[in-house]
């Protein structure tokens, strides 16, 4: 029963590690012409190309916990009913090394979960570089209204229609003024 409680708690940790708030935002600059808007977007995206990213310590702890739970489950299946069997001791010995590389080796055995969890760290770090570039070019972060976000979801990513729609929102001085969000550390 105890392993089921532990696994349930660890699943909750995994869910919280993978849960990310949905951001309905864009970057606006009042009066920016379409060609400049597209060029700025492309050039700022390019700035993130050679950024070295890392797994944050909190994410690493969550991955370590998840891999330990998976190991415990496997060890319990192998010999959990044997008298004197110390499943926690075995898992402790296996997980004794907690370097980032060791945790990555253990956790990537659950593939898609590992990729999903670390992808948030990577996306956040790359987005921060792009955001900094846009702020330096005079753009402001703006929240999209529910209607704007709904209309945007109907348009195919990277399509000219989507770019034109975003530009119509992001270059409108009234929208930028009313929907601008304060950013920290820009």
C-alpha atoms as a PDB file:
ATOM      1  CA  UNK A   1       0.000   0.000   0.000  1.00  0.00           C
ATOM      2  CA  UNK A   2       2.820   2.406   0.866  1.00  0.00           C
ATOM      3  CA  UNK A   3       4.346   2.228  -2.652  1.00  0.00           C
ATOM      4  CA  UNK A   4       0.950   3.163  -4.126  1.00  0.00           C
ATOM      5  CA  UNK A   5       0.729   6.217  -1.863  1.00  0.00           C
ATOM      6  CA  UNK A   6       4.285   7.207  -2.788  1.00  0.00           C
ATOM      7  CA  UNK A   7       3.565   6.744  -6.491  1.00  0.00           C
ATOM      8  CA  UNK A   8       0.349   8.770  -6.196  1.00  0.00           C
ATOM      9  CA  UNK A   9       2.209  11.633  -4.537  1.00  0.00           C
ATOM     10  CA  UNK A  10       4.930  11.490  -7.157  1.00  0.00           C
ATOM     11  CA  UNK A  11       2.377  11.584  -9.956  1.00  0.00           C
ATOM     12  CA  UNK A  12       1.049  14.800  -8.426  1.00  0.00           C
ATOM     13  CA  UNK A  13       4.590  16.224  -8.481  1.00  0.00           C
ATOM     14  CA  UNK A  14       4.948  15.196 -12.121  1.00  0.00           C
ATOM     15  CA  UNK A  15       1.681  16.832 -13.027  1.00  0.00           C
ATOM     16  CA  UNK A  16       2.687  20.069 -11.338  1.00  0.00           C
ATOM     17  CA  UNK A  17       6.090  19.966 -13.031  1.00  0.00           C
ATOM     18  CA  UNK A  18       4.424  19.534 -16.400  1.00  0.00           C
ATOM     19  CA  UNK A  19       1.587  21.971 -15.803  1.00  0.00           C
ATOM     20  CA  UNK A  20       2.162  25.351 -17.312  1.00  0.00           C
ATOM     21  CA  UNK A  21      -0.110  28.344 -17.376  1.00  0.00           C
ATOM     22  CA  UNK A  22      -1.472  29.115 -20.848  1.00  0.00           C
ATOM     23  CA  UNK A  23      -0.201  32.505 -22.023  1.00  0.00           C
ATOM     24  CA  UNK A  24      -2.427  34.409 -24.405  1.00  0.00           C
ATOM     25  CA  UNK A  25       0.038  37.165 -25.165  1.00  0.00           C
ATOM     26  CA  UNK A  26       1.812  38.784 -28.058  1.00  0.00           C
ATOM     27  CA  UNK A  27       4.238  41.632 -28.573  1.00  0.00           C
ATOM     28  CA  UNK A  28       2.992  44.969 -29.881  1.00  0.00           C
ATOM     29  CA  UNK A  29       4.556  48.157 -31.166  1.00  0.00           C
ATOM     30  CA  UNK A  30       2.173  50.910 -32.150  1.00  0.00           C
ATOM     31  CA  UNK A  31       2.354  51.792 -35.841  1.00  0.00           C
ATOM     32  CA  UNK A  32       5.027  49.238 -36.792  1.00  0.00           C
ATOM     33  CA  UNK A  33       4.866  48.471 -40.543  1.00  0.00           C
ATOM     34  CA  UNK A  34       4.241  44.828 -41.510  1.00  0.00           C
ATOM     35  CA  UNK A  35       7.656  44.332 -43.141  1.00  0.00           C
ATOM     36  CA  UNK A  36       9.473  45.651 -40.038  1.00  0.00           C
ATOM     37  CA  UNK A  37       7.212  43.563 -37.764  1.00  0.00           C
ATOM     38  CA  UNK A  38       8.080  40.381 -39.690  1.00  0.00           C
ATOM     39  CA  UNK A  39      11.785  41.239 -39.841  1.00  0.00           C
ATOM     40  CA  UNK A  40      11.957  42.005 -36.114  1.00  0.00           C
ATOM     41  CA  UNK A  41      10.242  38.709 -35.305  1.00  0.00           C
ATOM     42  CA  UNK A  42      12.609  36.722 -37.517  1.00  0.00           C
ATOM     43  CA  UNK A  43      15.738  38.461 -36.227  1.00  0.00           C
ATOM     44  CA  UNK A  44      14.707  38.100 -32.579  1.00  0.00           C
ATOM     45  CA  UNK A  45      13.923  34.411 -33.109  1.00  0.00           C
ATOM     46  CA  UNK A  46      17.390  34.015 -34.611  1.00  0.00           C
ATOM     47  CA  UNK A  47      18.976  35.405 -31.413  1.00  0.00           C
ATOM     48  CA  UNK A  48      17.870  32.275 -29.567  1.00  0.00           C
ATOM     49  CA  UNK A  49      19.509  29.887 -32.021  1.00  0.00           C
ATOM     50  CA  UNK A  50      22.807  29.451 -30.188  1.00  0.00           C
ATOM     51  CA  UNK A  51      21.599  29.819 -26.603  1.00  0.00           C
ATOM     52  CA  UNK A  52      22.821  27.130 -24.227  1.00  0.00           C
ATOM     53  CA  UNK A  53      19.957  25.951 -22.050  1.00  0.00           C
ATOM     54  CA  UNK A  54      20.007  23.973 -18.822  1.00  0.00           C
ATOM     55  CA  UNK A  55      17.667  22.002 -16.616  1.00  0.00           C
ATOM     56  CA  UNK A  56      16.632  24.078 -13.602  1.00  0.00           C
ATOM     57  CA  UNK A  57      17.440  22.653 -10.133  1.00  0.00           C
ATOM     58  CA  UNK A  58      13.736  22.305  -9.231  1.00  0.00           C
ATOM     59  CA  UNK A  59      13.059  20.375 -12.442  1.00  0.00           C
ATOM     60  CA  UNK A  60      16.084  18.185 -11.747  1.00  0.00           C
ATOM     61  CA  UNK A  61      14.729  17.381  -8.262  1.00  0.00           C
ATOM     62  CA  UNK A  62      11.325  16.487  -9.749  1.00  0.00           C
ATOM     63  CA  UNK A  63      12.959  14.225 -12.345  1.00  0.00           C
ATOM     64  CA  UNK A  64      15.061  12.576  -9.633  1.00  0.00           C
ATOM     65  CA  UNK A  65      11.922  11.918  -7.585  1.00  0.00           C
ATOM     66  CA  UNK A  66      10.058  10.502 -10.582  1.00  0.00           C
ATOM     67  CA  UNK A  67      12.887   8.190 -11.581  1.00  0.00           C
ATOM     68  CA  UNK A  68      13.239   7.001  -7.968  1.00  0.00           C
ATOM     69  CA  UNK A  69       9.524   6.181  -7.871  1.00  0.00           C
ATOM     70  CA  UNK A  70       9.800   4.276 -11.130  1.00  0.00           C
ATOM     71  CA  UNK A  71      12.810   2.351  -9.810  1.00  0.00           C
ATOM     72  CA  UNK A  72      10.988   1.574  -6.562  1.00  0.00           C
ATOM     73  CA  UNK A  73       8.019   0.210  -8.487  1.00  0.00           C
ATOM     74  CA  UNK A  74      10.303  -2.009 -10.592  1.00  0.00           C
ATOM     75  CA  UNK A  75      12.278  -3.246  -7.578  1.00  0.00           C
ATOM     76  CA  UNK A  76       9.042  -4.007  -5.674  1.00  0.00           C
ATOM     77  CA  UNK A  77       7.759  -6.052  -8.626  1.00  0.00           C
ATOM     78  CA  UNK A  78      10.983  -8.051  -8.752  1.00  0.00           C
ATOM     79  CA  UNK A  79      11.332  -8.983  -5.115  1.00  0.00           C
ATOM     80  CA  UNK A  80       8.910  -7.074  -2.936  1.00  0.00           C
ATOM     81  CA  UNK A  81       7.322 -10.172  -1.368  1.00  0.00           C
ATOM     82  CA  UNK A  82      10.630 -11.719  -0.235  1.00  0.00           C
ATOM     83  CA  UNK A  83      11.313 -11.595   3.522  1.00  0.00           C
ATOM     84  CA  UNK A  84      14.035  -9.138   4.444  1.00  0.00           C
ATOM     85  CA  UNK A  85      13.940  -7.515   1.005  1.00  0.00           C
ATOM     86  CA  UNK A  86      14.969  -3.856   1.293  1.00  0.00           C
ATOM     87  CA  UNK A  87      13.529  -2.170  -1.796  1.00  0.00           C
ATOM     88  CA  UNK A  88      14.284   1.341  -0.519  1.00  0.00           C
ATOM     89  CA  UNK A  89      17.910   0.372   0.136  1.00  0.00           C
ATOM     90  CA  UNK A  90      18.306  -0.861  -3.421  1.00  0.00           C
ATOM     91  CA  UNK A  91      16.719   2.270  -4.879  1.00  0.00           C
ATOM     92  CA  UNK A  92      18.900   4.416  -2.593  1.00  0.00           C
ATOM     93  CA  UNK A  93      22.035   2.685  -3.839  1.00  0.00           C
ATOM     94  CA  UNK A  94      21.026   3.150  -7.478  1.00  0.00           C
ATOM     95  CA  UNK A  95      20.102   6.820  -7.042  1.00  0.00           C
ATOM     96  CA  UNK A  96      23.021   7.727  -4.783  1.00  0.00           C
ATOM     97  CA  UNK A  97      24.632   9.788  -7.528  1.00  0.00           C
ATOM     98  CA  UNK A  98      22.474  12.779  -8.267  1.00  0.00           C
ATOM     99  CA  UNK A  99      24.457  14.681 -10.885  1.00  0.00           C
ATOM    100  CA  UNK A 100      22.445  16.229 -13.718  1.00  0.00           C
ATOM    101  CA  UNK A 101      23.879  13.683 -16.168  1.00  0.00           C
ATOM    102  CA  UNK A 102      23.069  10.722 -13.905  1.00  0.00           C
ATOM    103  CA  UNK A 103      19.503  11.895 -13.357  1.00  0.00           C
ATOM    104  CA  UNK A 104      19.093  12.511 -17.089  1.00  0.00           C
ATOM    105  CA  UNK A 105      20.292   8.958 -17.859  1.00  0.00           C
ATOM    106  CA  UNK A 106      17.832   7.448 -15.360  1.00  0.00           C
ATOM    107  CA  UNK A 107      14.875   9.623 -16.267  1.00  0.00           C
ATOM    108  CA  UNK A 108      15.128   9.505 -20.020  1.00  0.00           C
ATOM    109  CA  UNK A 109      14.056   5.871 -19.803  1.00  0.00           C
ATOM    110  CA  UNK A 110      10.551   7.247 -19.495  1.00  0.00           C
ATOM    111  CA  UNK A 111      11.132   9.219 -22.724  1.00  0.00           C
ATOM    112  CA  UNK A 112       8.134  11.390 -23.535  1.00  0.00           C
ATOM    113  CA  UNK A 113       7.595  12.344 -19.874  1.00  0.00           C
ATOM    114  CA  UNK A 114      11.243  13.427 -19.565  1.00  0.00           C
ATOM    115  CA  UNK A 115      11.116  15.469 -22.768  1.00  0.00           C
ATOM    116  CA  UNK A 116       7.843  17.096 -21.757  1.00  0.00           C
ATOM    117  CA  UNK A 117       9.108  18.088 -18.323  1.00  0.00           C
ATOM    118  CA  UNK A 118      12.431  19.568 -19.466  1.00  0.00           C
ATOM    119  CA  UNK A 119      10.918  21.244 -22.525  1.00  0.00           C
ATOM    120  CA  UNK A 120       9.326  23.861 -20.253  1.00  0.00           C
ATOM    121  CA  UNK A 121      12.752  24.871 -18.951  1.00  0.00           C
ATOM    122  CA  UNK A 122      14.145  25.072 -22.474  1.00  0.00           C
ATOM    123  CA  UNK A 123      11.173  27.038 -23.832  1.00  0.00           C
ATOM    124  CA  UNK A 124      11.297  29.493 -20.931  1.00  0.00           C
ATOM    125  CA  UNK A 125      14.995  30.173 -21.463  1.00  0.00           C
ATOM    126  CA  UNK A 126      14.689  30.602 -25.236  1.00  0.00           C
ATOM    127  CA  UNK A 127      11.588  32.789 -24.856  1.00  0.00           C
ATOM    128  CA  UNK A 128      13.461  35.042 -22.416  1.00  0.00           C
ATOM    129  CA  UNK A 129      16.125  35.712 -25.072  1.00  0.00           C
ATOM    130  CA  UNK A 130      13.484  36.506 -27.708  1.00  0.00           C
ATOM    131  CA  UNK A 131      11.557  38.697 -25.255  1.00  0.00           C
ATOM    132  CA  UNK A 132      14.685  40.706 -24.424  1.00  0.00           C
ATOM    133  CA  UNK A 133      15.339  41.296 -28.118  1.00  0.00           C
ATOM    134  CA  UNK A 134      11.763  42.484 -28.718  1.00  0.00           C
ATOM    135  CA  UNK A 135      11.867  44.856 -25.730  1.00  0.00           C
ATOM    136  CA  UNK A 136      15.151  46.306 -27.029  1.00  0.00           C
ATOM    137  CA  UNK A 137      13.379  46.992 -30.353  1.00  0.00           C
ATOM    138  CA  UNK A 138      10.570  48.879 -28.642  1.00  0.00           C
ATOM    139  CA  UNK A 139       7.899  46.167 -28.400  1.00  0.00           C
ATOM    140  CA  UNK A 140       5.634  45.782 -25.381  1.00  0.00           C
ATOM    141  CA  UNK A 141       4.060  42.594 -24.128  1.00  0.00           C
ATOM    142  CA  UNK A 142       0.290  42.649 -24.574  1.00  0.00           C
ATOM    143  CA  UNK A 143      -2.356  40.202 -23.415  1.00  0.00           C
ATOM    144  CA  UNK A 144      -4.757  39.004 -26.059  1.00  0.00           C
ATOM    145  CA  UNK A 145      -8.462  39.285 -25.358  1.00  0.00           C
ATOM    146  CA  UNK A 146     -10.482  36.082 -25.358  1.00  0.00           C
ATOM    147  CA  UNK A 147     -11.850  36.929 -28.822  1.00  0.00           C
ATOM    148  CA  UNK A 148      -8.383  37.725 -30.200  1.00  0.00           C
ATOM    149  CA  UNK A 149      -6.964  34.476 -28.816  1.00  0.00           C
ATOM    150  CA  UNK A 150      -9.921  32.508 -30.193  1.00  0.00           C
ATOM    151  CA  UNK A 151      -9.491  34.031 -33.660  1.00  0.00           C
ATOM    152  CA  UNK A 152      -5.756  33.368 -33.531  1.00  0.00           C
ATOM    153  CA  UNK A 153      -6.292  29.669 -32.734  1.00  0.00           C
ATOM    154  CA  UNK A 154      -8.276  29.333 -35.970  1.00  0.00           C
ATOM    155  CA  UNK A 155      -5.296  30.397 -38.084  1.00  0.00           C
ATOM    156  CA  UNK A 156      -2.499  28.030 -39.104  1.00  0.00           C
ATOM    157  CA  UNK A 157       0.844  28.699 -37.405  1.00  0.00           C
ATOM    158  CA  UNK A 158       3.399  30.487 -39.613  1.00  0.00           C
ATOM    159  CA  UNK A 159       0.741  31.296 -42.228  1.00  0.00           C
ATOM    160  CA  UNK A 160       0.595  34.738 -43.882  1.00  0.00           C
ATOM    161  CA  UNK A 161      -2.978  35.071 -42.583  1.00  0.00           C
ATOM    162  CA  UNK A 162      -1.880  34.526 -38.994  1.00  0.00           C
ATOM    163  CA  UNK A 163       0.995  36.997 -39.375  1.00  0.00           C
ATOM    164  CA  UNK A 164      -1.362  39.602 -40.851  1.00  0.00           C
ATOM    165  CA  UNK A 165      -3.885  39.045 -38.056  1.00  0.00           C
ATOM    166  CA  UNK A 166      -1.244  39.382 -35.336  1.00  0.00           C
ATOM    167  CA  UNK A 167       0.152  42.476 -37.021  1.00  0.00           C
ATOM    168  CA  UNK A 168      -3.322  44.059 -37.078  1.00  0.00           C
ATOM    169  CA  UNK A 169      -3.514  43.594 -33.294  1.00  0.00           C
ATOM    170  CA  UNK A 170       0.116  44.246 -32.415  1.00  0.00           C
ATOM    171  CA  UNK A 171       0.496  47.468 -34.433  1.00  0.00           C
ATOM    172  CA  UNK A 172      -2.772  49.055 -33.242  1.00  0.00           C
ATOM    173  CA  UNK A 173      -1.863  51.885 -30.840  1.00  0.00           C
ATOM    174  CA  UNK A 174      -5.176  51.577 -28.988  1.00  0.00           C
ATOM    175  CA  UNK A 175      -4.732  47.836 -28.433  1.00  0.00           C
ATOM    176  CA  UNK A 176      -1.120  48.248 -27.331  1.00  0.00           C
ATOM    177  CA  UNK A 177      -2.097  50.976 -24.845  1.00  0.00           C
ATOM    178  CA  UNK A 178      -5.104  49.140 -23.406  1.00  0.00           C
ATOM    179  CA  UNK A 179      -3.687  45.600 -23.318  1.00  0.00           C
ATOM    180  CA  UNK A 180      -0.054  46.265 -22.400  1.00  0.00           C
ATOM    181  CA  UNK A 181       1.393  44.199 -19.566  1.00  0.00           C
ATOM    182  CA  UNK A 182       4.133  45.365 -17.230  1.00  0.00           C
ATOM    183  CA  UNK A 183       7.224  43.223 -17.719  1.00  0.00           C
ATOM    184  CA  UNK A 184       9.946  42.644 -15.168  1.00  0.00           C
ATOM    185  CA  UNK A 185      13.627  42.492 -15.926  1.00  0.00           C
ATOM    186  CA  UNK A 186      13.013  43.271 -19.684  1.00  0.00           C
END
